[in-house]
């Protein structure tokens, strides 16, 4: 992964995780509304459950991450481990931003 491409991935992973959280919660709340449940309450519940899946979707599945960690550990490429950790942190930042946006929208804390 080149340096320029790495920063592109950082930004992409952030926004992919953000999009999975916001989009999944909003669309899921429409489904809750359709069946007569409280959509804003359900949006908060969905946001809690989508956290890990947003990160996994952003990093493209867990096998790529495991492969990069393995390469870093067994081939002595510590830079690959650092880059993979930074990509995961970027996706986690997207999730946290989405949670903040959703908390503003539903006016309650999502824990």
PDB file of N, CA and C in Angstrom:
ATOM      1  N   UNK A   1       0.840  -1.167   0.000  1.00  0.00           N
ATOM      2  CA  UNK A   1       0.000   0.000   0.000  1.00  0.00           C
ATOM      3  C   UNK A   1       0.893   1.242   0.000  1.00  0.00           C
ATOM      4  N   UNK A   2       0.750   2.072  -0.997  1.00  0.00           N
ATOM      5  CA  UNK A   2       1.534   3.285  -1.068  1.00  0.00           C
ATOM      6  C   UNK A   2       1.028   4.290  -0.040  1.00  0.00           C
ATOM      7  N   UNK A   3       1.854   5.286   0.248  1.00  0.00           N
ATOM      8  CA  UNK A   3       1.473   6.311   1.231  1.00  0.00           C
ATOM      9  C   UNK A   3       0.217   7.053   0.810  1.00  0.00           C
ATOM     10  N   UNK A   4       0.155   7.494  -0.449  1.00  0.00           N
ATOM     11  CA  UNK A   4      -1.018   8.224  -0.929  1.00  0.00           C
ATOM     12  C   UNK A   4      -2.260   7.360  -0.826  1.00  0.00           C
ATOM     13  N   UNK A   5      -2.149   6.125  -1.222  1.00  0.00           N
ATOM     14  CA  UNK A   5      -3.290   5.205  -1.215  1.00  0.00           C
ATOM     15  C   UNK A   5      -3.738   4.921   0.216  1.00  0.00           C
ATOM     16  N   UNK A   6      -2.805   4.894   1.141  1.00  0.00           N
ATOM     17  CA  UNK A   6      -3.144   4.632   2.532  1.00  0.00           C
ATOM     18  C   UNK A   6      -4.056   5.727   3.086  1.00  0.00           C
ATOM     19  N   UNK A   7      -3.755   6.975   2.778  1.00  0.00           N
ATOM     20  CA  UNK A   7      -4.592   8.070   3.270  1.00  0.00           C
ATOM     21  C   UNK A   7      -5.971   8.065   2.617  1.00  0.00           C
ATOM     22  N   UNK A   8      -6.021   7.624   1.374  1.00  0.00           N
ATOM     23  CA  UNK A   8      -7.314   7.455   0.705  1.00  0.00           C
ATOM     24  C   UNK A   8      -8.133   6.405   1.447  1.00  0.00           C
ATOM     25  N   UNK A   9      -7.490   5.297   1.816  1.00  0.00           N
ATOM     26  CA  UNK A   9      -8.179   4.242   2.554  1.00  0.00           C
ATOM     27  C   UNK A   9      -8.643   4.728   3.926  1.00  0.00           C
ATOM     28  N   UNK A  10      -7.837   5.527   4.596  1.00  0.00           N
ATOM     29  CA  UNK A  10      -8.241   6.069   5.893  1.00  0.00           C
ATOM     30  C   UNK A  10      -9.549   6.841   5.779  1.00  0.00           C
ATOM     31  N   UNK A  11      -9.636   7.700   4.779  1.00  0.00           N
ATOM     32  CA  UNK A  11     -10.845   8.508   4.587  1.00  0.00           C
ATOM     33  C   UNK A  11     -12.022   7.628   4.170  1.00  0.00           C
ATOM     34  N   UNK A  12     -11.768   6.681   3.270  1.00  0.00           N
ATOM     35  CA  UNK A  12     -12.844   5.805   2.811  1.00  0.00           C
ATOM     36  C   UNK A  12     -13.403   4.956   3.946  1.00  0.00           C
ATOM     37  N   UNK A  13     -12.534   4.380   4.768  1.00  0.00           N
ATOM     38  CA  UNK A  13     -12.990   3.531   5.864  1.00  0.00           C
ATOM     39  C   UNK A  13     -13.829   4.330   6.857  1.00  0.00           C
ATOM     40  N   UNK A  14     -13.418   5.558   7.119  1.00  0.00           N
ATOM     41  CA  UNK A  14     -14.171   6.433   8.018  1.00  0.00           C
ATOM     42  C   UNK A  14     -15.598   6.627   7.503  1.00  0.00           C
ATOM     43  N   UNK A  15     -15.722   6.985   6.240  1.00  0.00           N
ATOM     44  CA  UNK A  15     -17.039   7.287   5.702  1.00  0.00           C
ATOM     45  C   UNK A  15     -17.871   6.036   5.424  1.00  0.00           C
ATOM     46  N   UNK A  16     -17.239   4.918   5.139  1.00  0.00           N
ATOM     47  CA  UNK A  16     -17.995   3.676   4.986  1.00  0.00           C
ATOM     48  C   UNK A  16     -18.646   3.299   6.315  1.00  0.00           C
ATOM     49  N   UNK A  17     -17.880   3.357   7.396  1.00  0.00           N
ATOM     50  CA  UNK A  17     -18.435   3.031   8.718  1.00  0.00           C
ATOM     51  C   UNK A  17     -19.531   4.022   9.098  1.00  0.00           C
ATOM     52  N   UNK A  18     -19.319   5.286   8.821  1.00  0.00           N
ATOM     53  CA  UNK A  18     -20.330   6.304   9.099  1.00  0.00           C
ATOM     54  C   UNK A  18     -21.605   6.019   8.314  1.00  0.00           C
ATOM     55  N   UNK A  19     -21.456   5.679   7.044  1.00  0.00           N
ATOM     56  CA  UNK A  19     -22.615   5.401   6.201  1.00  0.00           C
ATOM     57  C   UNK A  19     -23.379   4.155   6.621  1.00  0.00           C
ATOM     58  N   UNK A  20     -22.667   3.116   7.022  1.00  0.00           N
ATOM     59  CA  UNK A  20     -23.338   1.897   7.478  1.00  0.00           C
ATOM     60  C   UNK A  20     -24.169   2.189   8.723  1.00  0.00           C
ATOM     61  N   UNK A  21     -23.596   2.950   9.634  1.00  0.00           N
ATOM     62  CA  UNK A  21     -24.314   3.266  10.881  1.00  0.00           C
ATOM     63  C   UNK A  21     -25.536   4.139  10.632  1.00  0.00           C
ATOM     64  N   UNK A  22     -25.333   5.260   9.955  1.00  0.00           N
ATOM     65  CA  UNK A  22     -26.438   6.195   9.738  1.00  0.00           C
ATOM     66  C   UNK A  22     -27.487   5.584   8.817  1.00  0.00           C
ATOM     67  N   UNK A  23     -27.049   5.023   7.706  1.00  0.00           N
ATOM     68  CA  UNK A  23     -27.990   4.435   6.761  1.00  0.00           C
ATOM     69  C   UNK A  23     -28.748   3.254   7.336  1.00  0.00           C
ATOM     70  N   UNK A  24     -28.032   2.358   7.997  1.00  0.00           N
ATOM     71  CA  UNK A  24     -28.691   1.195   8.589  1.00  0.00           C
ATOM     72  C   UNK A  24     -29.689   1.568   9.662  1.00  0.00           C
ATOM     73  N   UNK A  25     -29.337   2.537  10.485  1.00  0.00           N
ATOM     74  CA  UNK A  25     -30.236   2.956  11.555  1.00  0.00           C
ATOM     75  C   UNK A  25     -31.465   3.675  11.009  1.00  0.00           C
ATOM     76  N   UNK A  26     -31.254   4.562  10.032  1.00  0.00           N
ATOM     77  CA  UNK A  26     -32.388   5.295   9.458  1.00  0.00           C
ATOM     78  C   UNK A  26     -33.341   4.373   8.711  1.00  0.00           C
ATOM     79  N   UNK A  27     -32.794   3.518   7.872  1.00  0.00           N
ATOM     80  CA  UNK A  27     -33.642   2.609   7.099  1.00  0.00           C
ATOM     81  C   UNK A  27     -34.314   1.590   8.021  1.00  0.00           C
ATOM     82  N   UNK A  28     -33.586   1.111   9.016  1.00  0.00           N
ATOM     83  CA  UNK A  28     -34.184   0.186   9.980  1.00  0.00           C
ATOM     84  C   UNK A  28     -35.315   0.813  10.767  1.00  0.00           C
ATOM     85  N   UNK A  29     -35.191   2.102  11.067  1.00  0.00           N
ATOM     86  CA  UNK A  29     -36.262   2.773  11.813  1.00  0.00           C
ATOM     87  C   UNK A  29     -37.513   2.940  10.951  1.00  0.00           C
ATOM     88  N   UNK A  30     -37.335   3.017   9.637  1.00  0.00           N
ATOM     89  CA  UNK A  30     -38.500   3.052   8.747  1.00  0.00           C
ATOM     90  C   UNK A  30     -39.247   1.724   8.844  1.00  0.00           C
ATOM     91  N   UNK A  31     -38.505   0.640   8.921  1.00  0.00           N
ATOM     92  CA  UNK A  31     -39.129  -0.672   9.098  1.00  0.00           C
ATOM     93  C   UNK A  31     -39.864  -0.768  10.430  1.00  0.00           C
ATOM     94  N   UNK A  32     -39.268  -0.191  11.474  1.00  0.00           N
ATOM     95  CA  UNK A  32     -39.943  -0.197  12.779  1.00  0.00           C
ATOM     96  C   UNK A  32     -41.232   0.607  12.713  1.00  0.00           C
ATOM     97  N   UNK A  33     -41.200   1.735  12.033  1.00  0.00           N
ATOM     98  CA  UNK A  33     -42.401   2.553  11.872  1.00  0.00           C
ATOM     99  C   UNK A  33     -43.486   1.796  11.116  1.00  0.00           C
ATOM    100  N   UNK A  34     -43.073   1.041  10.093  1.00  0.00           N
ATOM    101  CA  UNK A  34     -44.026   0.304   9.269  1.00  0.00           C
ATOM    102  C   UNK A  34     -44.763  -0.766  10.057  1.00  0.00           C
ATOM    103  N   UNK A  35     -44.126  -1.328  11.088  1.00  0.00           N
ATOM    104  CA  UNK A  35     -44.787  -2.368  11.874  1.00  0.00           C
ATOM    105  C   UNK A  35     -45.374  -1.834  13.174  1.00  0.00           C
ATOM    106  N   UNK A  36     -45.311  -0.527  13.373  1.00  0.00           N
ATOM    107  CA  UNK A  36     -45.969   0.067  14.527  1.00  0.00           C
ATOM    108  C   UNK A  36     -45.102   0.252  15.756  1.00  0.00           C
ATOM    109  N   UNK A  37     -43.794   0.044  15.659  1.00  0.00           N
ATOM    110  CA  UNK A  37     -42.896   0.290  16.786  1.00  0.00           C
ATOM    111  C   UNK A  37     -42.463   1.755  16.791  1.00  0.00           C
ATOM    112  N   UNK A  38     -41.850   2.167  17.894  1.00  0.00           N
ATOM    113  CA  UNK A  38     -41.333   3.532  17.998  1.00  0.00           C
ATOM    114  C   UNK A  38     -40.044   3.653  17.189  1.00  0.00           C
ATOM    115  N   UNK A  39     -40.053   4.440  16.105  1.00  0.00           N
ATOM    116  CA  UNK A  39     -38.889   4.467  15.221  1.00  0.00           C
ATOM    117  C   UNK A  39     -37.637   5.069  15.855  1.00  0.00           C
ATOM    118  N   UNK A  40     -37.763   6.103  16.670  1.00  0.00           N
ATOM    119  CA  UNK A  40     -36.573   6.721  17.251  1.00  0.00           C
ATOM    120  C   UNK A  40     -35.933   5.819  18.305  1.00  0.00           C
ATOM    121  N   UNK A  41     -36.749   5.152  19.076  1.00  0.00           N
ATOM    122  CA  UNK A  41     -36.215   4.207  20.060  1.00  0.00           C
ATOM    123  C   UNK A  41     -35.512   3.054  19.353  1.00  0.00           C
ATOM    124  N   UNK A  42     -36.147   2.561  18.310  1.00  0.00           N
ATOM    125  CA  UNK A  42     -35.559   1.447  17.564  1.00  0.00           C
ATOM    126  C   UNK A  42     -34.275   1.873  16.862  1.00  0.00           C
ATOM    127  N   UNK A  43     -34.204   3.136  16.436  1.00  0.00           N
ATOM    128  CA  UNK A  43     -32.993   3.652  15.792  1.00  0.00           C
ATOM    129  C   UNK A  43     -31.813   3.577  16.752  1.00  0.00           C
ATOM    130  N   UNK A  44     -32.035   3.928  18.007  1.00  0.00           N
ATOM    131  CA  UNK A  44     -30.974   3.830  19.007  1.00  0.00           C
ATOM    132  C   UNK A  44     -30.549   2.396  19.256  1.00  0.00           C
ATOM    133  N   UNK A  45     -31.518   1.490  19.307  1.00  0.00           N
ATOM    134  CA  UNK A  45     -31.202   0.082  19.506  1.00  0.00           C
ATOM    135  C   UNK A  45     -30.414  -0.483  18.323  1.00  0.00           C
ATOM    136  N   UNK A  46     -30.808  -0.105  17.126  1.00  0.00           N
ATOM    137  CA  UNK A  46     -30.085  -0.559  15.939  1.00  0.00           C
ATOM    138  C   UNK A  46     -28.664  -0.031  15.915  1.00  0.00           C
ATOM    139  N   UNK A  47     -28.493   1.215  16.295  1.00  0.00           N
ATOM    140  CA  UNK A  47     -27.160   1.819  16.296  1.00  0.00           C
ATOM    141  C   UNK A  47     -26.227   1.046  17.224  1.00  0.00           C
ATOM    142  N   UNK A  48     -26.737   0.615  18.365  1.00  0.00           N
ATOM    143  CA  UNK A  48     -25.917  -0.181  19.291  1.00  0.00           C
ATOM    144  C   UNK A  48     -25.485  -1.492  18.653  1.00  0.00           C
ATOM    145  N   UNK A  49     -26.400  -2.123  17.922  1.00  0.00           N
ATOM    146  CA  UNK A  49     -26.102  -3.429  17.341  1.00  0.00           C
ATOM    147  C   UNK A  49     -25.256  -3.342  16.079  1.00  0.00           C
ATOM    148  N   UNK A  50     -25.277  -2.217  15.398  1.00  0.00           N
ATOM    149  CA  UNK A  50     -24.552  -2.089  14.139  1.00  0.00           C
ATOM    150  C   UNK A  50     -23.095  -1.673  14.299  1.00  0.00           C
ATOM    151  N   UNK A  51     -22.683  -1.326  15.492  1.00  0.00           N
ATOM    152  CA  UNK A  51     -21.316  -0.810  15.689  1.00  0.00           C
ATOM    153  C   UNK A  51     -20.251  -1.706  15.091  1.00  0.00           C
ATOM    154  N   UNK A  52     -20.193  -2.936  15.540  1.00  0.00           N
ATOM    155  CA  UNK A  52     -19.129  -3.838  15.102  1.00  0.00           C
ATOM    156  C   UNK A  52     -19.263  -4.160  13.622  1.00  0.00           C
ATOM    157  N   UNK A  53     -20.490  -4.257  13.128  1.00  0.00           N
ATOM    158  CA  UNK A  53     -20.699  -4.592  11.725  1.00  0.00           C
ATOM    159  C   UNK A  53     -20.276  -3.443  10.825  1.00  0.00           C
ATOM    160  N   UNK A  54     -20.403  -2.231  11.287  1.00  0.00           N
ATOM    161  CA  UNK A  54     -19.939  -1.078  10.503  1.00  0.00           C
ATOM    162  C   UNK A  54     -18.423  -1.106  10.363  1.00  0.00           C
ATOM    163  N   UNK A  55     -17.730  -1.476  11.435  1.00  0.00           N
ATOM    164  CA  UNK A  55     -16.270  -1.559  11.388  1.00  0.00           C
ATOM    165  C   UNK A  55     -15.844  -2.690  10.459  1.00  0.00           C
ATOM    166  N   UNK A  56     -16.487  -3.837  10.572  1.00  0.00           N
ATOM    167  CA  UNK A  56     -16.150  -4.984   9.716  1.00  0.00           C
ATOM    168  C   UNK A  56     -16.437  -4.649   8.251  1.00  0.00           C
ATOM    169  N   UNK A  57     -17.550  -3.983   7.984  1.00  0.00           N
ATOM    170  CA  UNK A  57     -17.862  -3.604   6.606  1.00  0.00           C
ATOM    171  C   UNK A  57     -16.841  -2.615   6.064  1.00  0.00           C
ATOM    172  N   UNK A  58     -16.391  -1.706   6.901  1.00  0.00           N
ATOM    173  CA  UNK A  58     -15.430  -0.692   6.453  1.00  0.00           C
ATOM    174  C   UNK A  58     -14.078  -1.315   6.111  1.00  0.00           C
ATOM    175  N   UNK A  59     -13.632  -2.266   6.913  1.00  0.00           N
ATOM    176  CA  UNK A  59     -12.311  -2.850   6.633  1.00  0.00           C
ATOM    177  C   UNK A  59     -12.403  -3.981   5.615  1.00  0.00           C
ATOM    178  N   UNK A  60     -13.575  -4.240   5.086  1.00  0.00           N
ATOM    179  CA  UNK A  60     -13.713  -5.214   4.014  1.00  0.00           C
ATOM    180  C   UNK A  60     -13.744  -6.648   4.479  1.00  0.00           C
ATOM    181  N   UNK A  61     -14.147  -6.889   5.681  1.00  0.00           N
ATOM    182  CA  UNK A  61     -14.166  -8.243   6.216  1.00  0.00           C
ATOM    183  C   UNK A  61     -12.962  -8.472   7.099  1.00  0.00           C
ATOM    184  N   UNK A  62     -13.004  -9.517   7.871  1.00  0.00           N
ATOM    185  CA  UNK A  62     -11.946  -9.737   8.848  1.00  0.00           C
ATOM    186  C   UNK A  62     -10.732 -10.451   8.282  1.00  0.00           C
ATOM    187  N   UNK A  63     -10.857 -11.156   7.159  1.00  0.00           N
ATOM    188  CA  UNK A  63      -9.730 -11.936   6.653  1.00  0.00           C
ATOM    189  C   UNK A  63      -8.597 -11.050   6.149  1.00  0.00           C
ATOM    190  N   UNK A  64      -8.911  -9.919   5.528  1.00  0.00           N
ATOM    191  CA  UNK A  64      -7.861  -9.003   5.089  1.00  0.00           C
ATOM    192  C   UNK A  64      -7.084  -8.466   6.277  1.00  0.00           C
ATOM    193  N   UNK A  65      -7.798  -8.103   7.324  1.00  0.00           N
ATOM    194  CA  UNK A  65      -7.132  -7.579   8.517  1.00  0.00           C
ATOM    195  C   UNK A  65      -6.238  -8.640   9.152  1.00  0.00           C
ATOM    196  N   UNK A  66      -6.733  -9.864   9.239  1.00  0.00           N
ATOM    197  CA  UNK A  66      -5.947 -10.950   9.830  1.00  0.00           C
ATOM    198  C   UNK A  66      -4.718 -11.245   8.976  1.00  0.00           C
ATOM    199  N   UNK A  67      -4.875 -11.216   7.666  1.00  0.00           N
ATOM    200  CA  UNK A  67      -3.743 -11.448   6.769  1.00  0.00           C
ATOM    201  C   UNK A  67      -2.671 -10.379   6.953  1.00  0.00           C
ATOM    202  N   UNK A  68      -3.092  -9.127   7.077  1.00  0.00           N
ATOM    203  CA  UNK A  68      -2.121  -8.047   7.281  1.00  0.00           C
ATOM    204  C   UNK A  68      -1.424  -8.165   8.633  1.00  0.00           C
ATOM    205  N   UNK A  69      -2.176  -8.542   9.675  1.00  0.00           N
ATOM    206  CA  UNK A  69      -1.544  -8.757  10.976  1.00  0.00           C
ATOM    207  C   UNK A  69      -0.534  -9.904  10.911  1.00  0.00           C
ATOM    208  N   UNK A  70      -0.916 -10.986  10.233  1.00  0.00           N
ATOM    209  CA  UNK A  70      -0.029 -12.141  10.104  1.00  0.00           C
ATOM    210  C   UNK A  70       1.249 -11.757   9.361  1.00  0.00           C
ATOM    211  N   UNK A  71       1.097 -11.008   8.280  1.00  0.00           N
ATOM    212  CA  UNK A  71       2.253 -10.550   7.520  1.00  0.00           C
ATOM    213  C   UNK A  71       3.155  -9.676   8.383  1.00  0.00           C
ATOM    214  N   UNK A  72       2.551  -8.837   9.195  1.00  0.00           N
ATOM    215  CA  UNK A  72       3.334  -7.975  10.061  1.00  0.00           C
ATOM    216  C   UNK A  72       4.071  -8.738  11.142  1.00  0.00           C
ATOM    217  N   UNK A  73       3.431  -9.754  11.696  1.00  0.00           N
ATOM    218  CA  UNK A  73       4.054 -10.516  12.772  1.00  0.00           C
ATOM    219  C   UNK A  73       5.115 -11.482  12.280  1.00  0.00           C
ATOM    220  N   UNK A  74       4.786 -12.253  11.246  1.00  0.00           N
ATOM    221  CA  UNK A  74       5.670 -13.333  10.827  1.00  0.00           C
ATOM    222  C   UNK A  74       6.702 -12.923   9.791  1.00  0.00           C
ATOM    223  N   UNK A  75       6.451 -11.839   9.083  1.00  0.00           N
ATOM    224  CA  UNK A  75       7.426 -11.384   8.093  1.00  0.00           C
ATOM    225  C   UNK A  75       8.191 -10.160   8.581  1.00  0.00           C
ATOM    226  N   UNK A  76       7.909  -9.732   9.790  1.00  0.00           N
ATOM    227  CA  UNK A  76       8.648  -8.621  10.378  1.00  0.00           C
ATOM    228  C   UNK A  76       8.278  -7.259   9.839  1.00  0.00           C
ATOM    229  N   UNK A  77       7.128  -7.153   9.210  1.00  0.00           N
ATOM    230  CA  UNK A  77       6.691  -5.873   8.655  1.00  0.00           C
ATOM    231  C   UNK A  77       5.780  -5.168   9.657  1.00  0.00           C
ATOM    232  N   UNK A  78       6.372  -4.502  10.618  1.00  0.00           N
ATOM    233  CA  UNK A  78       5.578  -3.834  11.658  1.00  0.00           C
ATOM    234  C   UNK A  78       4.772  -2.669  11.111  1.00  0.00           C
ATOM    235  N   UNK A  79       5.211  -2.095   9.995  1.00  0.00           N
ATOM    236  CA  UNK A  79       4.471  -0.984   9.405  1.00  0.00           C
ATOM    237  C   UNK A  79       3.088  -1.442   8.936  1.00  0.00           C
ATOM    238  N   UNK A  80       2.972  -2.692   8.473  1.00  0.00           N
ATOM    239  CA  UNK A  80       1.667  -3.218   8.069  1.00  0.00           C
ATOM    240  C   UNK A  80       0.722  -3.323   9.259  1.00  0.00           C
ATOM    241  N   UNK A  81       1.246  -3.702  10.408  1.00  0.00           N
ATOM    242  CA  UNK A  81       0.418  -3.783  11.615  1.00  0.00           C
ATOM    243  C   UNK A  81      -0.051  -2.391  12.013  1.00  0.00           C
ATOM    244  N   UNK A  82       0.850  -1.438  11.996  1.00  0.00           N
ATOM    245  CA  UNK A  82       0.501  -0.058  12.370  1.00  0.00           C
ATOM    246  C   UNK A  82      -0.544   0.506  11.411  1.00  0.00           C
ATOM    247  N   UNK A  83      -0.372   0.258  10.122  1.00  0.00           N
ATOM    248  CA  UNK A  83      -1.340   0.752   9.140  1.00  0.00           C
ATOM    249  C   UNK A  83      -2.708   0.112   9.342  1.00  0.00           C
ATOM    250  N   UNK A  84      -2.731  -1.187   9.628  1.00  0.00           N
ATOM    251  CA  UNK A  84      -4.004  -1.872   9.830  1.00  0.00           C
ATOM    252  C   UNK A  84      -4.707  -1.341  11.082  1.00  0.00           C
ATOM    253  N   UNK A  85      -3.945  -1.102  12.135  1.00  0.00           N
ATOM    254  CA  UNK A  85      -4.528  -0.541  13.360  1.00  0.00           C
ATOM    255  C   UNK A  85      -5.082   0.853  13.086  1.00  0.00           C
ATOM    256  N   UNK A  86      -4.363   1.648  12.305  1.00  0.00           N
ATOM    257  CA  UNK A  86      -4.844   2.992  11.980  1.00  0.00           C
ATOM    258  C   UNK A  86      -6.120   2.943  11.141  1.00  0.00           C
ATOM    259  N   UNK A  87      -6.224   1.966  10.242  1.00  0.00           N
ATOM    260  CA  UNK A  87      -7.442   1.820   9.444  1.00  0.00           C
ATOM    261  C   UNK A  87      -8.627   1.434  10.325  1.00  0.00           C
ATOM    262  N   UNK A  88      -8.398   0.548  11.276  1.00  0.00           N
ATOM    263  CA  UNK A  88      -9.465   0.148  12.196  1.00  0.00           C
ATOM    264  C   UNK A  88      -9.880   1.331  13.062  1.00  0.00           C
ATOM    265  N   UNK A  89      -8.926   2.111  13.526  1.00  0.00           N
ATOM    266  CA  UNK A  89      -9.239   3.300  14.334  1.00  0.00           C
ATOM    267  C   UNK A  89     -10.015   4.319  13.502  1.00  0.00           C
ATOM    268  N   UNK A  90      -9.681   4.446  12.225  1.00  0.00           N
ATOM    269  CA  UNK A  90     -10.415   5.341  11.343  1.00  0.00           C
ATOM    270  C   UNK A  90     -11.874   4.898  11.215  1.00  0.00           C
ATOM    271  N   UNK A  91     -12.098   3.592  11.048  1.00  0.00           N
ATOM    272  CA  UNK A  91     -13.464   3.070  10.974  1.00  0.00           C
ATOM    273  C   UNK A  91     -14.195   3.292  12.300  1.00  0.00           C
ATOM    274  N   UNK A  92     -13.486   3.123  13.414  1.00  0.00           N
ATOM    275  CA  UNK A  92     -14.102   3.362  14.715  1.00  0.00           C
ATOM    276  C   UNK A  92     -14.477   4.842  14.870  1.00  0.00           C
ATOM    277  N   UNK A  93     -13.675   5.731  14.302  1.00  0.00           N
ATOM    278  CA  UNK A  93     -14.011   7.150  14.320  1.00  0.00           C
ATOM    279  C   UNK A  93     -15.284   7.428  13.550  1.00  0.00           C
ATOM    280  N   UNK A  94     -15.474   6.751  12.419  1.00  0.00           N
ATOM    281  CA  UNK A  94     -16.714   6.887  11.658  1.00  0.00           C
ATOM    282  C   UNK A  94     -17.917   6.407  12.444  1.00  0.00           C
ATOM    283  N   UNK A  95     -17.741   5.316  13.177  1.00  0.00           N
ATOM    284  CA  UNK A  95     -18.825   4.795  14.019  1.00  0.00           C
ATOM    285  C   UNK A  95     -19.173   5.793  15.126  1.00  0.00           C
ATOM    286  N   UNK A  96     -18.156   6.361  15.762  1.00  0.00           N
ATOM    287  CA  UNK A  96     -18.410   7.318  16.845  1.00  0.00           C
ATOM    288  C   UNK A  96     -19.075   8.590  16.322  1.00  0.00           C
ATOM    289  N   UNK A  97     -18.676   9.039  15.155  1.00  0.00           N
ATOM    290  CA  UNK A  97     -19.322  10.207  14.556  1.00  0.00           C
ATOM    291  C   UNK A  97     -20.783   9.915  14.255  1.00  0.00           C
ATOM    292  N   UNK A  98     -21.046   8.739  13.717  1.00  0.00           N
ATOM    293  CA  UNK A  98     -22.427   8.351  13.424  1.00  0.00           C
ATOM    294  C   UNK A  98     -23.259   8.279  14.703  1.00  0.00           C
ATOM    295  N   UNK A  99     -22.689   7.741  15.764  1.00  0.00           N
ATOM    296  CA  UNK A  99     -23.413   7.683  17.030  1.00  0.00           C
ATOM    297  C   UNK A  99     -23.748   9.081  17.534  1.00  0.00           C
ATOM    298  N   UNK A 100     -22.820  10.012  17.381  1.00  0.00           N
ATOM    299  CA  UNK A 100     -23.064  11.392  17.795  1.00  0.00           C
ATOM    300  C   UNK A 100     -24.193  12.008  16.972  1.00  0.00           C
ATOM    301  N   UNK A 101     -24.171  11.797  15.667  1.00  0.00           N
ATOM    302  CA  UNK A 101     -25.232  12.318  14.800  1.00  0.00           C
ATOM    303  C   UNK A 101     -26.583  11.717  15.183  1.00  0.00           C
ATOM    304  N   UNK A 102     -26.603  10.414  15.413  1.00  0.00           N
ATOM    305  CA  UNK A 102     -27.858   9.751  15.772  1.00  0.00           C
ATOM    306  C   UNK A 102     -28.360  10.195  17.151  1.00  0.00           C
ATOM    307  N   UNK A 103     -27.436  10.425  18.086  1.00  0.00           N
ATOM    308  CA  UNK A 103     -27.846  10.941  19.399  1.00  0.00           C
ATOM    309  C   UNK A 103     -28.466  12.315  19.265  1.00  0.00           C
ATOM    310  N   UNK A 104     -27.914  13.150  18.415  1.00  0.00           N
ATOM    311  CA  UNK A 104     -28.513  14.466  18.168  1.00  0.00           C
ATOM    312  C   UNK A 104     -29.906  14.312  17.566  1.00  0.00           C
ATOM    313  N   UNK A 105     -30.054  13.352  16.670  1.00  0.00           N
ATOM    314  CA  UNK A 105     -31.322  13.159  15.985  1.00  0.00           C
ATOM    315  C   UNK A 105     -32.408  12.635  16.923  1.00  0.00           C
ATOM    316  N   UNK A 106     -32.078  11.634  17.732  1.00  0.00           N
ATOM    317  CA  UNK A 106     -33.118  11.019  18.578  1.00  0.00           C
ATOM    318  C   UNK A 106     -33.202  11.631  19.960  1.00  0.00           C
ATOM    319  N   UNK A 107     -32.274  12.528  20.295  1.00  0.00           N
ATOM    320  CA  UNK A 107     -32.283  13.253  21.561  1.00  0.00           C
ATOM    321  C   UNK A 107     -32.210  12.348  22.779  1.00  0.00           C
ATOM    322  N   UNK A 108     -31.457  11.263  22.679  1.00  0.00           N
ATOM    323  CA  UNK A 108     -31.166  10.421  23.834  1.00  0.00           C
ATOM    324  C   UNK A 108     -29.810   9.797  23.652  1.00  0.00           C
ATOM    325  N   UNK A 109     -29.194   9.401  24.760  1.00  0.00           N
ATOM    326  CA  UNK A 109     -27.854   8.848  24.702  1.00  0.00           C
ATOM    327  C   UNK A 109     -27.889   7.389  24.274  1.00  0.00           C
ATOM    328  N   UNK A 110     -26.978   7.041  23.385  1.00  0.00           N
ATOM    329  CA  UNK A 110     -26.836   5.656  22.916  1.00  0.00           C
ATOM    330  C   UNK A 110     -25.624   5.074  23.629  1.00  0.00           C
ATOM    331  N   UNK A 111     -25.836   4.091  24.489  1.00  0.00           N
ATOM    332  CA  UNK A 111     -24.712   3.506  25.223  1.00  0.00           C
ATOM    333  C   UNK A 111     -24.440   2.093  24.797  1.00  0.00           C
TER     334      UNK A 111
END
